Every structure is written in structure tokens, then in C-alpha cells.
Amino acid sequence: MAIEVAVMLSVAGLFAGMMLMSVIGRRVGIARFRRDPEAPTADGGAAEGSVFALLGLLIAFTFSGAASRFEDRRQLIGEEANAIGTAYLRVDLLPDDSQPELRDLFRRYVDLRATVYESALDQSETSARLSAGDALQREIWTKALSAAKRPEAPI
């Protein structure tokens, strides 16, 4: 609680300081303009240029961060698809009578994972689908493990 109060006081102090400096700067600017009406147009170019350069840099960093997050997400989705495909192919190593059920569970899991990405904006729906996906993963694992432990399973 004390930290929150300290943060709020710091924010309020910074805001008050910015407002005070803004008023002081405006008054200094008005006083300069009264002394020399041509001065603001002569001195403003360098300040404008630096402000626009900083704004451009900020926008560039923002887009760079967004692009890298997009690429990271794309890579993770590709790795997940590859892992699911590999696991699906390894179902062939299990006894023949357990394969159809596991393949059906994998299809349901892939369909569920695809809908997770479609409903990413709805947090509660995404959480529910991720939980359902975890439950399907556990079911697949349990059934695959029990099929692999059967005596007729190839080793």
C-alpha cells in the first residue's frame, strides 16, 4: 500500500512539474516574442526537426517490436504444427486396434487448437479452449501410454 501511495505521489509530482514548466516556457516564449517577433520562426527549425526525428524513432521501434512479436508467434505456431504432425505419425507405432481412436483424438485436438487462434480476442473463450486442449492432450497421452504398454505393441 505504501508503494502505491509513493508511486501516485511521484506521478502527481511529475505531472505538476510538467505543467509548471509548460507555463514557465509559455511565458518565456511570449516575452521573447514581444521583444523580437521574428525570433520564433528562426529558432524553431532545429527543435521541430529533433522532435520529429524522435517521433520517427519511436514509431520505428514500435513497428520493429510488433514485427518481431509477429514472427515469434508465427515460428511458435509452425513448431506446434510440426510437433503435432510428428506425434500423429508416431501413432503408427502403436497396435492397430488403438490407432483409429488416437487419430480421432488428434483430429479433435488440431481442430480445437485452430479455434484457439480464431478467438484470441475473447480471453474467457480462449482460456476455456486452452483448458479443453490440455484435457485432450492428457487423454491422448493416457491412451497412447496404455496402448504402448500392451504386450503386442512393437518396441
N, C-alpha and C. Protein backbone atom coordinates (compact mmCIF):
# COMPACT_ATOMS: atom_id res chain seq x y z
N MET A 1 0.81 -1.19 0.00
CA MET A 1 0.00 0.00 0.00
C MET A 1 0.86 1.26 0.00
N ALA A 2 1.94 1.23 0.76
CA ALA A 2 2.83 2.39 0.83
C ALA A 2 3.51 2.64 -0.50
N ILE A 3 3.81 1.58 -1.21
CA ILE A 3 4.45 1.72 -2.52
C ILE A 3 3.49 2.39 -3.49
N GLU A 4 2.21 1.98 -3.45
CA GLU A 4 1.22 2.58 -4.33
C GLU A 4 1.07 4.08 -4.06
N VAL A 5 1.10 4.45 -2.79
CA VAL A 5 0.99 5.87 -2.42
C VAL A 5 2.21 6.62 -2.93
N ALA A 6 3.40 6.03 -2.76
CA ALA A 6 4.62 6.68 -3.23
C ALA A 6 4.60 6.83 -4.76
N VAL A 7 4.13 5.83 -5.45
CA VAL A 7 4.04 5.91 -6.91
C VAL A 7 3.05 7.00 -7.32
N MET A 8 1.90 7.03 -6.68
CA MET A 8 0.90 8.04 -7.01
C MET A 8 1.43 9.46 -6.72
N LEU A 9 2.13 9.63 -5.61
CA LEU A 9 2.72 10.94 -5.30
C LEU A 9 3.79 11.31 -6.33
N SER A 10 4.58 10.35 -6.75
CA SER A 10 5.60 10.62 -7.78
C SER A 10 4.95 11.03 -9.09
N VAL A 11 3.90 10.32 -9.49
CA VAL A 11 3.20 10.65 -10.73
C VAL A 11 2.58 12.05 -10.62
N ALA A 12 1.94 12.33 -9.48
CA ALA A 12 1.34 13.65 -9.29
C ALA A 12 2.41 14.74 -9.31
N GLY A 13 3.56 14.48 -8.68
CA GLY A 13 4.65 15.44 -8.68
C GLY A 13 5.19 15.69 -10.07
N LEU A 14 5.37 14.62 -10.84
CA LEU A 14 5.84 14.77 -12.21
C LEU A 14 4.84 15.56 -13.06
N PHE A 15 3.56 15.25 -12.90
CA PHE A 15 2.54 15.96 -13.65
C PHE A 15 2.53 17.45 -13.29
N ALA A 16 2.59 17.75 -11.99
CA ALA A 16 2.62 19.15 -11.56
C ALA A 16 3.87 19.85 -12.09
N GLY A 17 5.00 19.16 -12.05
CA GLY A 17 6.24 19.74 -12.57
C GLY A 17 6.16 20.02 -14.06
N MET A 18 5.57 19.09 -14.82
CA MET A 18 5.43 19.30 -16.26
C MET A 18 4.50 20.48 -16.55
N MET A 19 3.42 20.59 -15.80
CA MET A 19 2.51 21.71 -16.01
C MET A 19 3.18 23.03 -15.66
N LEU A 20 3.93 23.05 -14.57
CA LEU A 20 4.65 24.26 -14.15
C LEU A 20 5.67 24.66 -15.22
N MET A 21 6.45 23.71 -15.71
CA MET A 21 7.45 24.02 -16.73
C MET A 21 6.79 24.46 -18.03
N SER A 22 5.63 23.90 -18.34
CA SER A 22 4.90 24.31 -19.54
C SER A 22 4.46 25.77 -19.43
N VAL A 23 3.95 26.15 -18.27
CA VAL A 23 3.52 27.54 -18.05
C VAL A 23 4.73 28.47 -18.11
N ILE A 24 5.81 28.08 -17.46
CA ILE A 24 7.03 28.92 -17.48
C ILE A 24 7.55 29.06 -18.91
N GLY A 25 7.59 27.97 -19.64
CA GLY A 25 8.06 28.04 -21.03
C GLY A 25 7.19 28.90 -21.90
N ARG A 26 5.88 28.83 -21.70
CA ARG A 26 4.97 29.67 -22.47
C ARG A 26 5.21 31.14 -22.16
N ARG A 27 5.37 31.46 -20.89
CA ARG A 27 5.60 32.86 -20.53
C ARG A 27 6.93 33.37 -21.07
N VAL A 28 7.95 32.53 -21.02
CA VAL A 28 9.25 32.93 -21.58
C VAL A 28 9.11 33.14 -23.09
N GLY A 29 8.37 32.25 -23.75
CA GLY A 29 8.17 32.39 -25.19
C GLY A 29 7.41 33.65 -25.56
N ILE A 30 6.38 33.95 -24.79
CA ILE A 30 5.61 35.17 -25.05
C ILE A 30 6.48 36.41 -24.84
N ALA A 31 7.31 36.40 -23.79
CA ALA A 31 8.20 37.54 -23.53
C ALA A 31 9.20 37.70 -24.66
N ARG A 32 9.75 36.61 -25.17
CA ARG A 32 10.70 36.69 -26.30
C ARG A 32 10.01 37.20 -27.55
N PHE A 33 8.77 36.74 -27.77
CA PHE A 33 8.04 37.16 -28.96
C PHE A 33 7.76 38.66 -28.92
N ARG A 34 7.49 39.18 -27.73
CA ARG A 34 7.23 40.62 -27.60
C ARG A 34 8.48 41.42 -27.88
N ARG A 35 9.66 40.89 -27.49
CA ARG A 35 10.91 41.60 -27.74
C ARG A 35 11.30 41.53 -29.21
N ASP A 36 11.16 40.31 -29.81
CA ASP A 36 11.56 40.13 -31.21
C ASP A 36 10.56 39.22 -31.90
N PRO A 37 9.62 39.79 -32.65
CA PRO A 37 8.57 38.98 -33.29
C PRO A 37 9.09 37.97 -34.32
N GLU A 38 10.27 38.14 -34.86
CA GLU A 38 10.83 37.22 -35.85
C GLU A 38 11.59 36.06 -35.23
N ALA A 39 11.85 36.08 -33.94
CA ALA A 39 12.68 35.06 -33.29
C ALA A 39 12.06 33.65 -33.31
N PRO A 40 10.76 33.45 -33.09
CA PRO A 40 10.22 32.09 -33.07
C PRO A 40 10.36 31.36 -34.40
N THR A 41 10.25 32.07 -35.50
CA THR A 41 10.37 31.39 -36.79
C THR A 41 11.81 31.02 -37.09
N ALA A 42 12.75 31.77 -36.58
CA ALA A 42 14.17 31.49 -36.86
C ALA A 42 14.69 30.34 -36.02
N ASP A 43 14.26 30.21 -34.76
CA ASP A 43 14.81 29.19 -33.86
C ASP A 43 14.04 27.87 -33.89
N GLY A 44 12.87 27.82 -34.46
CA GLY A 44 12.01 26.64 -34.35
C GLY A 44 12.42 25.46 -35.22
N GLY A 45 13.20 25.66 -36.24
CA GLY A 45 13.54 24.58 -37.17
C GLY A 45 14.29 23.44 -36.53
N ALA A 46 15.29 23.75 -35.72
CA ALA A 46 16.09 22.70 -35.08
C ALA A 46 15.26 21.94 -34.05
N ALA A 47 14.45 22.64 -33.31
CA ALA A 47 13.61 21.97 -32.30
C ALA A 47 12.57 21.08 -32.98
N GLU A 48 11.94 21.59 -34.04
CA GLU A 48 10.96 20.78 -34.77
C GLU A 48 11.61 19.55 -35.37
N GLY A 49 12.77 19.74 -35.94
CA GLY A 49 13.48 18.61 -36.55
C GLY A 49 13.81 17.53 -35.54
N SER A 50 14.28 17.94 -34.37
CA SER A 50 14.63 16.94 -33.36
C SER A 50 13.39 16.24 -32.81
N VAL A 51 12.29 16.98 -32.65
CA VAL A 51 11.05 16.36 -32.16
C VAL A 51 10.53 15.35 -33.19
N PHE A 52 10.54 15.72 -34.46
CA PHE A 52 10.07 14.79 -35.49
C PHE A 52 11.00 13.59 -35.63
N ALA A 53 12.30 13.80 -35.45
CA ALA A 53 13.24 12.68 -35.51
C ALA A 53 12.98 11.70 -34.36
N LEU A 54 12.75 12.23 -33.17
CA LEU A 54 12.43 11.37 -32.02
C LEU A 54 11.11 10.64 -32.23
N LEU A 55 10.12 11.32 -32.78
CA LEU A 55 8.84 10.69 -33.06
C LEU A 55 9.00 9.57 -34.10
N GLY A 56 9.78 9.84 -35.12
CA GLY A 56 10.05 8.80 -36.13
C GLY A 56 10.77 7.61 -35.53
N LEU A 57 11.71 7.85 -34.64
CA LEU A 57 12.42 6.77 -33.97
C LEU A 57 11.48 5.95 -33.10
N LEU A 58 10.60 6.62 -32.40
CA LEU A 58 9.62 5.93 -31.57
C LEU A 58 8.70 5.05 -32.42
N ILE A 59 8.24 5.57 -33.53
CA ILE A 59 7.38 4.79 -34.42
C ILE A 59 8.15 3.60 -35.00
N ALA A 60 9.41 3.82 -35.36
CA ALA A 60 10.22 2.72 -35.90
C ALA A 60 10.40 1.60 -34.88
N PHE A 61 10.68 1.96 -33.63
CA PHE A 61 10.83 0.94 -32.59
C PHE A 61 9.51 0.20 -32.36
N THR A 62 8.41 0.92 -32.41
CA THR A 62 7.10 0.29 -32.22
C THR A 62 6.83 -0.74 -33.31
N PHE A 63 7.04 -0.37 -34.56
CA PHE A 63 6.81 -1.30 -35.65
C PHE A 63 7.79 -2.46 -35.63
N SER A 64 9.02 -2.19 -35.24
CA SER A 64 10.02 -3.25 -35.15
C SER A 64 9.62 -4.28 -34.09
N GLY A 65 9.17 -3.80 -32.93
CA GLY A 65 8.73 -4.71 -31.88
C GLY A 65 7.52 -5.53 -32.31
N ALA A 66 6.57 -4.89 -32.98
CA ALA A 66 5.38 -5.60 -33.44
C ALA A 66 5.75 -6.66 -34.48
N ALA A 67 6.66 -6.32 -35.38
CA ALA A 67 7.08 -7.29 -36.40
C ALA A 67 7.81 -8.47 -35.78
N SER A 68 8.65 -8.23 -34.79
CA SER A 68 9.37 -9.34 -34.16
C SER A 68 8.42 -10.23 -33.36
N ARG A 69 7.41 -9.65 -32.69
CA ARG A 69 6.42 -10.47 -31.98
C ARG A 69 5.61 -11.30 -32.96
N PHE A 70 5.28 -10.72 -34.11
CA PHE A 70 4.54 -11.45 -35.14
C PHE A 70 5.36 -12.63 -35.64
N GLU A 71 6.63 -12.41 -35.91
CA GLU A 71 7.50 -13.50 -36.38
C GLU A 71 7.67 -14.58 -35.31
N ASP A 72 7.81 -14.17 -34.04
CA ASP A 72 7.93 -15.15 -32.96
C ASP A 72 6.68 -16.01 -32.87
N ARG A 73 5.52 -15.36 -32.97
CA ARG A 73 4.25 -16.12 -32.91
C ARG A 73 4.13 -17.06 -34.10
N ARG A 74 4.51 -16.58 -35.27
CA ARG A 74 4.45 -17.43 -36.46
C ARG A 74 5.37 -18.64 -36.31
N GLN A 75 6.55 -18.44 -35.75
CA GLN A 75 7.51 -19.54 -35.53
C GLN A 75 6.94 -20.55 -34.54
N LEU A 76 6.34 -20.05 -33.45
CA LEU A 76 5.77 -20.95 -32.44
C LEU A 76 4.62 -21.78 -33.01
N ILE A 77 3.79 -21.16 -33.84
CA ILE A 77 2.68 -21.90 -34.45
C ILE A 77 3.23 -22.98 -35.39
N GLY A 78 4.27 -22.65 -36.15
CA GLY A 78 4.89 -23.65 -37.02
C GLY A 78 5.50 -24.80 -36.25
N GLU A 79 6.17 -24.48 -35.14
CA GLU A 79 6.76 -25.54 -34.32
C GLU A 79 5.69 -26.43 -33.70
N GLU A 80 4.58 -25.82 -33.27
CA GLU A 80 3.48 -26.60 -32.70
C GLU A 80 2.88 -27.53 -33.76
N ALA A 81 2.67 -27.01 -34.96
CA ALA A 81 2.12 -27.84 -36.04
C ALA A 81 3.06 -28.99 -36.37
N ASN A 82 4.35 -28.73 -36.38
CA ASN A 82 5.34 -29.78 -36.64
C ASN A 82 5.32 -30.85 -35.55
N ALA A 83 5.21 -30.42 -34.29
CA ALA A 83 5.17 -31.38 -33.19
C ALA A 83 3.91 -32.24 -33.24
N ILE A 84 2.78 -31.63 -33.56
CA ILE A 84 1.53 -32.39 -33.66
C ILE A 84 1.63 -33.39 -34.82
N GLY A 85 2.19 -32.95 -35.94
CA GLY A 85 2.34 -33.85 -37.08
C GLY A 85 3.26 -35.03 -36.76
N THR A 86 4.34 -34.77 -36.06
CA THR A 86 5.26 -35.84 -35.68
C THR A 86 4.57 -36.83 -34.74
N ALA A 87 3.84 -36.32 -33.76
CA ALA A 87 3.13 -37.19 -32.82
C ALA A 87 2.06 -38.01 -33.55
N TYR A 88 1.38 -37.39 -34.51
CA TYR A 88 0.35 -38.09 -35.28
C TYR A 88 0.97 -39.24 -36.06
N LEU A 89 2.13 -39.02 -36.65
CA LEU A 89 2.79 -40.09 -37.41
C LEU A 89 3.28 -41.21 -36.50
N ARG A 90 3.62 -40.89 -35.28
CA ARG A 90 4.11 -41.92 -34.35
C ARG A 90 3.00 -42.81 -33.82
N VAL A 91 1.76 -42.46 -34.10
CA VAL A 91 0.65 -43.33 -33.73
C VAL A 91 0.78 -44.66 -34.49
N ASP A 92 1.44 -44.64 -35.64
CA ASP A 92 1.67 -45.87 -36.42
C ASP A 92 2.44 -46.92 -35.64
N LEU A 93 3.17 -46.52 -34.63
CA LEU A 93 3.97 -47.46 -33.85
C LEU A 93 3.15 -48.22 -32.81
N LEU A 94 1.91 -47.79 -32.61
CA LEU A 94 1.05 -48.43 -31.62
C LEU A 94 0.28 -49.59 -32.26
N PRO A 95 -0.31 -50.46 -31.45
CA PRO A 95 -1.10 -51.57 -32.01
C PRO A 95 -2.23 -51.05 -32.90
N ASP A 96 -2.55 -51.83 -33.92
CA ASP A 96 -3.51 -51.40 -34.95
C ASP A 96 -4.89 -51.06 -34.39
N ASP A 97 -5.36 -51.78 -33.38
CA ASP A 97 -6.71 -51.53 -32.88
C ASP A 97 -6.83 -50.24 -32.06
N SER A 98 -5.72 -49.69 -31.58
CA SER A 98 -5.78 -48.44 -30.82
C SER A 98 -5.54 -47.20 -31.69
N GLN A 99 -5.10 -47.39 -32.92
CA GLN A 99 -4.77 -46.25 -33.79
C GLN A 99 -5.97 -45.38 -34.19
N PRO A 100 -7.11 -45.96 -34.61
CA PRO A 100 -8.22 -45.09 -35.04
C PRO A 100 -8.71 -44.13 -33.96
N GLU A 101 -8.81 -44.63 -32.74
CA GLU A 101 -9.28 -43.76 -31.66
C GLU A 101 -8.29 -42.61 -31.40
N LEU A 102 -7.00 -42.92 -31.40
CA LEU A 102 -6.00 -41.89 -31.18
C LEU A 102 -5.95 -40.89 -32.34
N ARG A 103 -6.10 -41.36 -33.55
CA ARG A 103 -6.12 -40.45 -34.69
C ARG A 103 -7.32 -39.50 -34.61
N ASP A 104 -8.46 -40.03 -34.16
CA ASP A 104 -9.64 -39.18 -33.99
C ASP A 104 -9.40 -38.13 -32.90
N LEU A 105 -8.76 -38.52 -31.80
CA LEU A 105 -8.43 -37.57 -30.74
C LEU A 105 -7.47 -36.49 -31.25
N PHE A 106 -6.51 -36.89 -32.08
CA PHE A 106 -5.58 -35.90 -32.65
C PHE A 106 -6.32 -34.92 -33.55
N ARG A 107 -7.27 -35.43 -34.36
CA ARG A 107 -8.04 -34.53 -35.23
C ARG A 107 -8.83 -33.52 -34.41
N ARG A 108 -9.46 -34.00 -33.34
CA ARG A 108 -10.21 -33.10 -32.46
C ARG A 108 -9.28 -32.07 -31.82
N TYR A 109 -8.08 -32.52 -31.44
CA TYR A 109 -7.11 -31.61 -30.82
C TYR A 109 -6.67 -30.53 -31.80
N VAL A 110 -6.40 -30.91 -33.04
CA VAL A 110 -5.97 -29.93 -34.05
C VAL A 110 -7.10 -28.94 -34.33
N ASP A 111 -8.33 -29.43 -34.45
CA ASP A 111 -9.47 -28.52 -34.66
C ASP A 111 -9.61 -27.55 -33.50
N LEU A 112 -9.44 -28.05 -32.29
CA LEU A 112 -9.54 -27.19 -31.11
C LEU A 112 -8.43 -26.15 -31.09
N ARG A 113 -7.21 -26.55 -31.39
CA ARG A 113 -6.09 -25.60 -31.40
C ARG A 113 -6.29 -24.53 -32.46
N ALA A 114 -6.87 -24.91 -33.61
CA ALA A 114 -7.12 -23.91 -34.66
C ALA A 114 -8.15 -22.89 -34.20
N THR A 115 -9.16 -23.32 -33.44
CA THR A 115 -10.16 -22.37 -32.97
C THR A 115 -9.62 -21.47 -31.86
N VAL A 116 -8.57 -21.91 -31.17
CA VAL A 116 -7.96 -21.06 -30.14
C VAL A 116 -7.42 -19.79 -30.80
N TYR A 117 -6.78 -19.92 -31.94
CA TYR A 117 -6.21 -18.76 -32.61
C TYR A 117 -7.29 -17.88 -33.24
N GLU A 118 -8.44 -18.47 -33.56
CA GLU A 118 -9.52 -17.67 -34.14
C GLU A 118 -10.20 -16.79 -33.10
N SER A 119 -10.25 -17.25 -31.85
CA SER A 119 -10.96 -16.50 -30.81
C SER A 119 -10.00 -15.84 -29.84
N ALA A 120 -8.88 -15.35 -30.32
CA ALA A 120 -7.84 -14.80 -29.44
C ALA A 120 -8.29 -13.53 -28.73
N LEU A 121 -9.27 -12.82 -29.26
CA LEU A 121 -9.69 -11.56 -28.64
C LEU A 121 -10.57 -11.79 -27.40
N ASP A 122 -11.27 -12.92 -27.34
CA ASP A 122 -12.13 -13.22 -26.20
C ASP A 122 -11.33 -14.05 -25.20
N GLN A 123 -10.90 -13.41 -24.11
CA GLN A 123 -9.99 -14.06 -23.15
C GLN A 123 -10.64 -15.26 -22.48
N SER A 124 -11.90 -15.17 -22.08
CA SER A 124 -12.55 -16.29 -21.40
C SER A 124 -12.73 -17.48 -22.35
N GLU A 125 -13.09 -17.20 -23.59
CA GLU A 125 -13.26 -18.27 -24.58
C GLU A 125 -11.91 -18.93 -24.88
N THR A 126 -10.87 -18.13 -25.00
CA THR A 126 -9.54 -18.68 -25.25
C THR A 126 -9.08 -19.56 -24.09
N SER A 127 -9.32 -19.11 -22.86
CA SER A 127 -8.94 -19.91 -21.69
C SER A 127 -9.70 -21.23 -21.66
N ALA A 128 -10.98 -21.19 -21.98
CA ALA A 128 -11.78 -22.42 -21.99
C ALA A 128 -11.27 -23.39 -23.05
N ARG A 129 -10.93 -22.88 -24.21
CA ARG A 129 -10.44 -23.76 -25.29
C ARG A 129 -9.05 -24.30 -24.97
N LEU A 130 -8.22 -23.49 -24.34
CA LEU A 130 -6.90 -23.99 -23.94
C LEU A 130 -7.03 -25.09 -22.89
N SER A 131 -7.96 -24.93 -21.95
CA SER A 131 -8.20 -25.98 -20.94
C SER A 131 -8.72 -27.25 -21.59
N ALA A 132 -9.62 -27.10 -22.56
CA ALA A 132 -10.12 -28.28 -23.28
C ALA A 132 -8.99 -28.96 -24.05
N GLY A 133 -8.08 -28.15 -24.62
CA GLY A 133 -6.93 -28.72 -25.32
C GLY A 133 -6.01 -29.48 -24.38
N ASP A 134 -5.80 -28.94 -23.18
CA ASP A 134 -4.99 -29.64 -22.19
C ASP A 134 -5.62 -30.97 -21.80
N ALA A 135 -6.95 -30.97 -21.65
CA ALA A 135 -7.65 -32.21 -21.31
C ALA A 135 -7.50 -33.24 -22.43
N LEU A 136 -7.62 -32.78 -23.68
CA LEU A 136 -7.43 -33.69 -24.82
C LEU A 136 -6.00 -34.23 -24.87
N GLN A 137 -5.03 -33.37 -24.57
CA GLN A 137 -3.63 -33.83 -24.53
C GLN A 137 -3.45 -34.94 -23.50
N ARG A 138 -4.01 -34.73 -22.32
CA ARG A 138 -3.90 -35.76 -21.27
C ARG A 138 -4.57 -37.06 -21.70
N GLU A 139 -5.73 -36.94 -22.36
CA GLU A 139 -6.43 -38.15 -22.82
C GLU A 139 -5.61 -38.88 -23.89
N ILE A 140 -5.05 -38.13 -24.82
CA ILE A 140 -4.20 -38.74 -25.86
C ILE A 140 -3.02 -39.44 -25.21
N TRP A 141 -2.37 -38.76 -24.28
CA TRP A 141 -1.19 -39.33 -23.62
C TRP A 141 -1.55 -40.60 -22.86
N THR A 142 -2.64 -40.57 -22.12
CA THR A 142 -3.06 -41.74 -21.34
C THR A 142 -3.36 -42.92 -22.24
N LYS A 143 -4.11 -42.68 -23.30
CA LYS A 143 -4.47 -43.79 -24.21
C LYS A 143 -3.24 -44.30 -24.96
N ALA A 144 -2.35 -43.41 -25.39
CA ALA A 144 -1.14 -43.85 -26.09
C ALA A 144 -0.23 -44.63 -25.16
N LEU A 145 -0.13 -44.20 -23.93
CA LEU A 145 0.71 -44.90 -22.96
C LEU A 145 0.17 -46.29 -22.66
N SER A 146 -1.14 -46.39 -22.48
CA SER A 146 -1.71 -47.71 -22.20
C SER A 146 -1.58 -48.62 -23.42
N ALA A 147 -1.71 -48.07 -24.63
CA ALA A 147 -1.55 -48.89 -25.84
C ALA A 147 -0.10 -49.33 -26.00
N ALA A 148 0.84 -48.48 -25.64
CA ALA A 148 2.26 -48.82 -25.78
C ALA A 148 2.69 -49.87 -24.77
N LYS A 149 1.98 -49.96 -23.65
CA LYS A 149 2.36 -50.94 -22.61
C LYS A 149 1.76 -52.32 -22.87
N ARG A 150 0.90 -52.43 -23.86
CA ARG A 150 0.31 -53.75 -24.15
C ARG A 150 1.37 -54.68 -24.70
N PRO A 151 1.24 -55.98 -24.45
CA PRO A 151 2.28 -56.93 -24.88
C PRO A 151 2.47 -57.00 -26.39
N GLU A 152 1.43 -56.76 -27.15
CA GLU A 152 1.58 -56.88 -28.62
C GLU A 152 2.11 -55.59 -29.27
N ALA A 153 2.36 -54.55 -28.48
CA ALA A 153 2.89 -53.29 -29.01
C ALA A 153 4.35 -53.49 -29.43
N PRO A 154 4.70 -53.01 -30.64
CA PRO A 154 6.10 -53.13 -31.07
C PRO A 154 6.99 -52.22 -30.23
N ILE A 155 8.16 -52.67 -29.95
CA ILE A 155 9.07 -51.89 -29.12
C ILE A 155 10.17 -51.29 -29.96
